């Protein structure tokens, strides 16, 4: 066990551009490279949704005024979440995501009907969100 510090918070639905791939490391890495090159990073918030039931990983970014990308538009679902923050240098930082997400899920009941969320605050800071039942 990692011994994560965590808290609960409420999020709103956010309309996003998205690109979905299999929940596999190679597919995720390729998706991030492709997506970041397409939409850019400057002025963007970057997220990923993980649907464990479907086995999918979706990279996404909120739509901004003037955006006109030929991408699927979806929703990053709002609601109540339990979150923690991971800090460090890639690639070690990315290797900690899975175990930390499992620990967050183990802290109490969670809503498996909504996806897990990764919020990339900075290159070295990632928030992990587990949807919780209210």
N, C-alpha and C. Protein backbone atom coordinates (compact mmCIF):
# COMPACT_ATOMS: atom_id res chain seq x y z
N UNK A 1 0.83 -1.19 0.00
CA UNK A 1 0.00 0.00 0.00
C UNK A 1 0.87 1.25 0.00
N UNK A 2 0.41 2.25 -0.73
CA UNK A 2 1.18 3.48 -0.90
C UNK A 2 0.93 4.45 0.26
N UNK A 3 -0.27 4.43 0.85
CA UNK A 3 -0.62 5.37 1.91
C UNK A 3 -0.96 6.73 1.37
N UNK A 4 -1.88 6.78 0.44
CA UNK A 4 -2.22 8.02 -0.24
C UNK A 4 -2.97 9.01 0.64
N UNK A 5 -2.70 10.28 0.46
CA UNK A 5 -3.53 11.34 1.01
C UNK A 5 -4.62 11.58 -0.01
N UNK A 6 -5.85 11.69 0.45
CA UNK A 6 -6.96 11.84 -0.49
C UNK A 6 -8.04 12.74 0.11
N UNK A 7 -8.93 13.21 -0.77
CA UNK A 7 -10.10 13.96 -0.34
C UNK A 7 -11.20 13.73 -1.34
N UNK A 8 -12.42 14.16 -1.00
CA UNK A 8 -13.57 14.04 -1.90
C UNK A 8 -13.93 15.42 -2.41
N UNK A 9 -14.46 15.46 -3.63
CA UNK A 9 -14.88 16.73 -4.22
C UNK A 9 -15.97 16.47 -5.25
N UNK A 10 -16.64 17.54 -5.66
CA UNK A 10 -17.68 17.45 -6.68
C UNK A 10 -17.19 18.10 -7.96
N UNK A 11 -17.42 17.42 -9.09
CA UNK A 11 -17.04 17.94 -10.40
C UNK A 11 -18.29 18.12 -11.25
N UNK A 12 -18.22 19.02 -12.21
CA UNK A 12 -19.31 19.24 -13.16
C UNK A 12 -19.02 18.47 -14.44
N UNK A 13 -20.07 18.14 -15.19
CA UNK A 13 -19.88 17.58 -16.53
C UNK A 13 -19.11 18.59 -17.37
N UNK A 14 -18.17 18.09 -18.18
CA UNK A 14 -17.39 18.95 -19.06
C UNK A 14 -17.41 18.35 -20.46
N UNK A 15 -17.78 19.16 -21.45
CA UNK A 15 -17.75 18.70 -22.84
C UNK A 15 -16.30 18.68 -23.31
N UNK A 16 -15.91 17.56 -23.92
CA UNK A 16 -14.51 17.38 -24.31
C UNK A 16 -14.38 16.84 -25.72
N UNK A 17 -13.23 17.13 -26.34
CA UNK A 17 -12.79 16.39 -27.51
C UNK A 17 -12.11 15.15 -26.98
N UNK A 18 -12.31 14.02 -27.66
CA UNK A 18 -11.75 12.79 -27.12
C UNK A 18 -11.30 11.82 -28.21
N UNK A 19 -10.43 10.92 -27.80
CA UNK A 19 -9.92 9.86 -28.67
C UNK A 19 -9.77 8.61 -27.80
N UNK A 20 -10.45 7.53 -28.19
CA UNK A 20 -10.51 6.31 -27.37
C UNK A 20 -9.70 5.19 -28.00
N UNK A 21 -8.96 4.48 -27.14
CA UNK A 21 -8.16 3.33 -27.56
C UNK A 21 -8.32 2.22 -26.52
N UNK A 22 -7.71 1.06 -26.80
CA UNK A 22 -7.70 -0.03 -25.83
C UNK A 22 -6.91 0.40 -24.60
N UNK A 23 -7.31 -0.11 -23.44
CA UNK A 23 -6.63 0.19 -22.18
C UNK A 23 -5.37 -0.67 -22.07
N UNK A 24 -4.41 -0.38 -22.95
CA UNK A 24 -3.13 -1.09 -23.00
C UNK A 24 -2.02 -0.04 -23.13
N UNK A 25 -0.90 -0.26 -22.50
CA UNK A 25 0.17 0.74 -22.42
C UNK A 25 0.59 1.27 -23.79
N UNK A 26 0.84 0.39 -24.75
CA UNK A 26 1.29 0.85 -26.07
C UNK A 26 0.23 1.72 -26.73
N UNK A 27 -1.03 1.29 -26.68
CA UNK A 27 -2.11 2.08 -27.29
C UNK A 27 -2.27 3.42 -26.60
N UNK A 28 -2.15 3.45 -25.27
CA UNK A 28 -2.28 4.70 -24.53
C UNK A 28 -1.16 5.67 -24.90
N UNK A 29 0.06 5.18 -24.96
CA UNK A 29 1.20 6.03 -25.30
C UNK A 29 1.04 6.62 -26.70
N UNK A 30 0.66 5.79 -27.65
CA UNK A 30 0.44 6.27 -29.02
C UNK A 30 -0.70 7.27 -29.08
N UNK A 31 -1.76 7.04 -28.31
CA UNK A 31 -2.90 7.95 -28.30
C UNK A 31 -2.50 9.32 -27.77
N UNK A 32 -1.73 9.35 -26.67
CA UNK A 32 -1.28 10.63 -26.11
C UNK A 32 -0.42 11.39 -27.11
N UNK A 33 0.53 10.70 -27.73
CA UNK A 33 1.41 11.36 -28.70
C UNK A 33 0.59 11.97 -29.83
N UNK A 34 -0.32 11.19 -30.40
CA UNK A 34 -1.15 11.65 -31.51
C UNK A 34 -2.05 12.82 -31.09
N UNK A 35 -2.71 12.68 -29.94
CA UNK A 35 -3.66 13.67 -29.46
C UNK A 35 -2.97 15.00 -29.13
N UNK A 36 -1.87 14.92 -28.39
CA UNK A 36 -1.13 16.14 -28.02
C UNK A 36 -0.60 16.86 -29.26
N UNK A 37 -0.14 16.14 -30.25
CA UNK A 37 0.33 16.76 -31.48
C UNK A 37 -0.81 17.43 -32.24
N UNK A 38 -1.99 16.86 -32.16
CA UNK A 38 -3.14 17.43 -32.87
C UNK A 38 -3.66 18.70 -32.19
N UNK A 39 -3.97 18.62 -30.89
CA UNK A 39 -4.61 19.75 -30.21
C UNK A 39 -3.62 20.69 -29.53
N UNK A 40 -2.39 20.24 -29.31
CA UNK A 40 -1.41 21.07 -28.62
C UNK A 40 -1.62 21.03 -27.11
N UNK A 41 -0.65 21.54 -26.39
CA UNK A 41 -0.72 21.54 -24.92
C UNK A 41 -0.95 22.93 -24.35
N UNK A 42 -0.54 23.96 -25.07
CA UNK A 42 -0.61 25.32 -24.55
C UNK A 42 -2.07 25.71 -24.27
N UNK A 43 -2.32 26.11 -23.02
CA UNK A 43 -3.65 26.55 -22.61
C UNK A 43 -4.67 25.44 -22.47
N UNK A 44 -4.23 24.20 -22.48
CA UNK A 44 -5.12 23.05 -22.44
C UNK A 44 -5.06 22.34 -21.10
N UNK A 45 -6.20 21.83 -20.65
CA UNK A 45 -6.26 20.87 -19.56
C UNK A 45 -6.38 19.51 -20.22
N UNK A 46 -5.61 18.56 -19.76
CA UNK A 46 -5.60 17.23 -20.37
C UNK A 46 -6.06 16.19 -19.35
N UNK A 47 -6.96 15.33 -19.82
CA UNK A 47 -7.55 14.29 -18.99
C UNK A 47 -7.48 12.95 -19.70
N UNK A 48 -7.70 11.89 -18.94
CA UNK A 48 -7.95 10.57 -19.51
C UNK A 48 -9.08 9.94 -18.70
N UNK A 49 -9.95 9.24 -19.41
CA UNK A 49 -11.02 8.46 -18.78
C UNK A 49 -10.69 7.00 -18.97
N UNK A 50 -10.88 6.21 -17.92
CA UNK A 50 -10.65 4.77 -18.00
C UNK A 50 -11.96 4.07 -17.72
N UNK A 51 -12.43 3.31 -18.70
CA UNK A 51 -13.65 2.51 -18.53
C UNK A 51 -13.19 1.06 -18.37
N UNK A 52 -13.13 0.62 -17.13
CA UNK A 52 -12.62 -0.72 -16.87
C UNK A 52 -13.53 -1.81 -17.44
N UNK A 53 -14.83 -1.57 -17.45
CA UNK A 53 -15.77 -2.55 -17.99
C UNK A 53 -15.56 -2.76 -19.48
N UNK A 54 -15.41 -1.66 -20.22
CA UNK A 54 -15.22 -1.73 -21.67
C UNK A 54 -13.77 -1.99 -22.06
N UNK A 55 -12.84 -1.81 -21.12
CA UNK A 55 -11.42 -1.99 -21.43
C UNK A 55 -10.88 -0.89 -22.33
N UNK A 56 -11.39 0.34 -22.12
CA UNK A 56 -10.96 1.46 -22.97
C UNK A 56 -10.30 2.57 -22.16
N UNK A 57 -9.48 3.32 -22.87
CA UNK A 57 -8.76 4.47 -22.32
C UNK A 57 -9.01 5.63 -23.28
N UNK A 58 -9.52 6.74 -22.76
CA UNK A 58 -9.90 7.87 -23.60
C UNK A 58 -9.13 9.11 -23.18
N UNK A 59 -8.29 9.63 -24.09
CA UNK A 59 -7.61 10.89 -23.84
C UNK A 59 -8.58 12.00 -24.23
N UNK A 60 -8.61 13.07 -23.45
CA UNK A 60 -9.58 14.13 -23.74
C UNK A 60 -9.11 15.48 -23.22
N UNK A 61 -9.70 16.53 -23.81
CA UNK A 61 -9.43 17.90 -23.40
C UNK A 61 -10.71 18.71 -23.56
N UNK A 62 -11.02 19.60 -22.64
CA UNK A 62 -12.23 20.42 -22.79
C UNK A 62 -12.19 21.23 -24.09
N UNK A 63 -13.37 21.38 -24.68
CA UNK A 63 -13.49 22.20 -25.89
C UNK A 63 -13.28 23.66 -25.51
N UNK A 64 -12.53 24.37 -26.33
CA UNK A 64 -12.29 25.79 -26.13
C UNK A 64 -12.96 26.57 -27.26
N UNK A 65 -13.32 27.83 -27.00
CA UNK A 65 -13.90 28.64 -28.08
C UNK A 65 -12.96 28.66 -29.29
N UNK A 66 -13.52 28.45 -30.46
CA UNK A 66 -12.72 28.47 -31.68
C UNK A 66 -12.15 27.11 -32.07
N UNK A 67 -12.28 26.10 -31.21
CA UNK A 67 -11.79 24.77 -31.56
C UNK A 67 -12.58 24.21 -32.72
N UNK A 68 -11.89 23.58 -33.66
CA UNK A 68 -12.59 22.98 -34.80
C UNK A 68 -11.88 21.69 -35.23
N UNK A 69 -11.61 20.82 -34.29
CA UNK A 69 -10.93 19.57 -34.59
C UNK A 69 -11.93 18.52 -35.05
N UNK A 70 -11.50 17.65 -35.94
CA UNK A 70 -12.33 16.56 -36.42
C UNK A 70 -12.16 15.39 -35.45
N UNK A 71 -12.69 15.58 -34.24
CA UNK A 71 -12.60 14.58 -33.18
C UNK A 71 -13.99 14.30 -32.62
N UNK A 72 -14.12 13.17 -31.99
CA UNK A 72 -15.36 12.85 -31.29
C UNK A 72 -15.53 13.81 -30.12
N UNK A 73 -16.77 14.26 -29.91
CA UNK A 73 -17.08 15.11 -28.77
C UNK A 73 -17.80 14.23 -27.74
N UNK A 74 -17.36 14.32 -26.51
CA UNK A 74 -17.95 13.52 -25.44
C UNK A 74 -18.06 14.34 -24.18
N UNK A 75 -18.29 13.66 -23.08
CA UNK A 75 -18.45 14.33 -21.78
C UNK A 75 -17.57 13.65 -20.75
N UNK A 76 -16.83 14.47 -20.03
CA UNK A 76 -16.13 14.01 -18.84
C UNK A 76 -17.16 14.13 -17.73
N UNK A 77 -17.65 13.00 -17.21
CA UNK A 77 -18.79 13.06 -16.29
C UNK A 77 -18.48 13.70 -14.94
N UNK A 78 -19.40 14.52 -14.51
CA UNK A 78 -19.29 15.13 -13.20
C UNK A 78 -19.77 14.19 -12.12
N UNK A 79 -19.91 14.72 -10.93
CA UNK A 79 -20.36 13.93 -9.79
C UNK A 79 -19.32 13.99 -8.68
N UNK A 80 -19.51 13.15 -7.71
CA UNK A 80 -18.63 13.11 -6.54
C UNK A 80 -17.47 12.16 -6.83
N UNK A 81 -16.26 12.60 -6.49
CA UNK A 81 -15.05 11.80 -6.70
C UNK A 81 -14.18 11.81 -5.45
N UNK A 82 -13.41 10.74 -5.30
CA UNK A 82 -12.33 10.67 -4.32
C UNK A 82 -11.05 10.89 -5.14
N UNK A 83 -10.15 11.75 -4.67
CA UNK A 83 -8.95 12.02 -5.47
C UNK A 83 -7.69 12.04 -4.62
N UNK A 84 -6.60 11.82 -5.34
CA UNK A 84 -5.27 11.97 -4.77
C UNK A 84 -4.40 12.63 -5.83
N UNK A 85 -3.25 13.11 -5.41
CA UNK A 85 -2.31 13.76 -6.32
C UNK A 85 -0.99 12.99 -6.30
N UNK A 86 -0.51 12.66 -7.50
CA UNK A 86 0.80 12.04 -7.64
C UNK A 86 1.76 13.07 -8.21
N UNK A 87 2.98 13.11 -7.68
CA UNK A 87 4.00 14.01 -8.20
C UNK A 87 5.27 13.21 -8.45
N UNK A 88 5.99 13.60 -9.49
CA UNK A 88 7.24 12.92 -9.81
C UNK A 88 7.60 13.14 -11.26
N UNK A 89 8.61 12.44 -11.70
CA UNK A 89 9.10 12.56 -13.07
C UNK A 89 8.67 11.35 -13.88
N UNK A 90 8.17 11.59 -15.10
CA UNK A 90 7.89 10.46 -15.99
C UNK A 90 9.22 9.78 -16.35
N UNK A 91 9.24 8.52 -16.64
CA UNK A 91 8.11 7.60 -16.72
C UNK A 91 7.73 6.98 -15.38
N UNK A 92 8.56 7.16 -14.35
CA UNK A 92 8.25 6.58 -13.04
C UNK A 92 6.88 7.04 -12.54
N UNK A 93 6.55 8.29 -12.78
CA UNK A 93 5.26 8.84 -12.35
C UNK A 93 4.11 8.02 -12.96
N UNK A 94 4.20 7.72 -14.24
CA UNK A 94 3.14 6.98 -14.93
C UNK A 94 3.01 5.56 -14.39
N UNK A 95 4.11 4.97 -13.96
CA UNK A 95 4.09 3.61 -13.42
C UNK A 95 3.35 3.54 -12.09
N UNK A 96 3.21 4.66 -11.42
CA UNK A 96 2.52 4.70 -10.12
C UNK A 96 1.01 4.86 -10.26
N UNK A 97 0.52 5.20 -11.46
CA UNK A 97 -0.91 5.47 -11.64
C UNK A 97 -1.77 4.25 -11.29
N UNK A 98 -1.47 3.10 -11.86
CA UNK A 98 -2.29 1.90 -11.62
C UNK A 98 -2.38 1.53 -10.15
N UNK A 99 -1.25 1.36 -9.46
CA UNK A 99 -1.32 1.01 -8.04
C UNK A 99 -2.04 2.07 -7.19
N UNK A 100 -1.83 3.34 -7.50
CA UNK A 100 -2.49 4.41 -6.73
C UNK A 100 -4.00 4.38 -6.98
N UNK A 101 -4.41 4.14 -8.23
CA UNK A 101 -5.84 4.08 -8.54
C UNK A 101 -6.48 2.90 -7.79
N UNK A 102 -5.80 1.77 -7.75
CA UNK A 102 -6.32 0.60 -7.01
C UNK A 102 -6.47 0.92 -5.53
N UNK A 103 -5.51 1.63 -4.97
CA UNK A 103 -5.60 2.01 -3.56
C UNK A 103 -6.77 2.96 -3.32
N UNK A 104 -6.96 3.92 -4.22
CA UNK A 104 -8.10 4.83 -4.08
C UNK A 104 -9.43 4.07 -4.13
N UNK A 105 -9.53 3.11 -5.04
CA UNK A 105 -10.75 2.31 -5.14
C UNK A 105 -10.99 1.52 -3.86
N UNK A 106 -9.92 1.04 -3.23
CA UNK A 106 -10.04 0.20 -2.03
C UNK A 106 -10.42 0.99 -0.78
N UNK A 107 -10.40 2.31 -0.85
CA UNK A 107 -10.70 3.13 0.33
C UNK A 107 -12.18 3.17 0.68
N UNK A 108 -13.04 2.69 -0.20
CA UNK A 108 -14.46 2.68 0.11
C UNK A 108 -15.27 2.42 -1.15
N UNK A 109 -16.58 2.34 -0.99
CA UNK A 109 -17.43 2.07 -2.16
C UNK A 109 -17.19 3.10 -3.26
N UNK A 110 -17.21 2.60 -4.49
CA UNK A 110 -17.04 3.50 -5.63
C UNK A 110 -18.03 3.13 -6.71
N UNK A 111 -18.28 4.09 -7.59
CA UNK A 111 -19.31 3.96 -8.63
C UNK A 111 -18.69 3.44 -9.93
N UNK A 112 -18.78 2.14 -10.14
CA UNK A 112 -18.16 1.54 -11.32
C UNK A 112 -18.92 1.85 -12.61
N UNK A 113 -20.07 2.53 -12.51
CA UNK A 113 -20.81 2.92 -13.72
C UNK A 113 -20.21 4.18 -14.37
N UNK A 114 -19.32 4.86 -13.64
CA UNK A 114 -18.63 6.03 -14.18
C UNK A 114 -17.15 5.71 -14.32
N UNK A 115 -16.47 6.39 -15.24
CA UNK A 115 -15.06 6.07 -15.46
C UNK A 115 -14.14 6.63 -14.38
N UNK A 116 -12.97 6.01 -14.28
CA UNK A 116 -11.87 6.56 -13.50
C UNK A 116 -11.29 7.70 -14.32
N UNK A 117 -10.72 8.70 -13.64
CA UNK A 117 -10.21 9.88 -14.35
C UNK A 117 -8.78 10.18 -13.92
N UNK A 118 -7.97 10.51 -14.91
CA UNK A 118 -6.62 11.04 -14.69
C UNK A 118 -6.63 12.49 -15.18
N UNK A 119 -6.24 13.42 -14.33
CA UNK A 119 -6.15 14.83 -14.71
C UNK A 119 -4.68 15.22 -14.66
N UNK A 120 -4.15 15.56 -15.83
CA UNK A 120 -2.73 15.90 -15.96
C UNK A 120 -2.56 17.40 -15.73
N UNK A 121 -2.32 17.76 -14.45
CA UNK A 121 -2.18 19.18 -14.09
C UNK A 121 -0.91 19.79 -14.65
N UNK A 122 0.16 19.04 -14.62
CA UNK A 122 1.45 19.45 -15.17
C UNK A 122 2.17 18.18 -15.61
N UNK A 123 3.27 18.36 -16.26
CA UNK A 123 4.09 17.23 -16.71
C UNK A 123 4.47 16.31 -15.55
N UNK A 124 4.57 16.90 -14.36
CA UNK A 124 5.03 16.16 -13.19
C UNK A 124 3.97 15.98 -12.11
N UNK A 125 2.71 16.36 -12.41
CA UNK A 125 1.64 16.28 -11.40
C UNK A 125 0.38 15.72 -12.05
N UNK A 126 -0.14 14.63 -11.47
CA UNK A 126 -1.36 14.00 -11.97
C UNK A 126 -2.33 13.82 -10.82
N UNK A 127 -3.57 14.26 -11.01
CA UNK A 127 -4.65 13.95 -10.07
C UNK A 127 -5.34 12.69 -10.55
N UNK A 128 -5.62 11.79 -9.63
CA UNK A 128 -6.40 10.59 -9.93
C UNK A 128 -7.75 10.71 -9.25
N UNK A 129 -8.82 10.43 -10.00
CA UNK A 129 -10.18 10.56 -9.48
C UNK A 129 -10.89 9.21 -9.58
N UNK A 130 -11.48 8.80 -8.48
CA UNK A 130 -12.33 7.60 -8.45
C UNK A 130 -13.75 8.07 -8.15
N UNK A 131 -14.72 7.73 -9.00
CA UNK A 131 -16.10 8.17 -8.75
C UNK A 131 -16.66 7.43 -7.52
N UNK A 132 -17.32 8.17 -6.68
CA UNK A 132 -17.88 7.55 -5.47
C UNK A 132 -19.39 7.68 -5.45
N UNK A 133 -19.99 6.78 -4.74
CA UNK A 133 -21.45 6.72 -4.63
C UNK A 133 -21.87 7.70 -3.54
N UNK A 134 -22.88 8.51 -3.87
CA UNK A 134 -23.35 9.48 -2.87
C UNK A 134 -24.74 9.12 -2.41
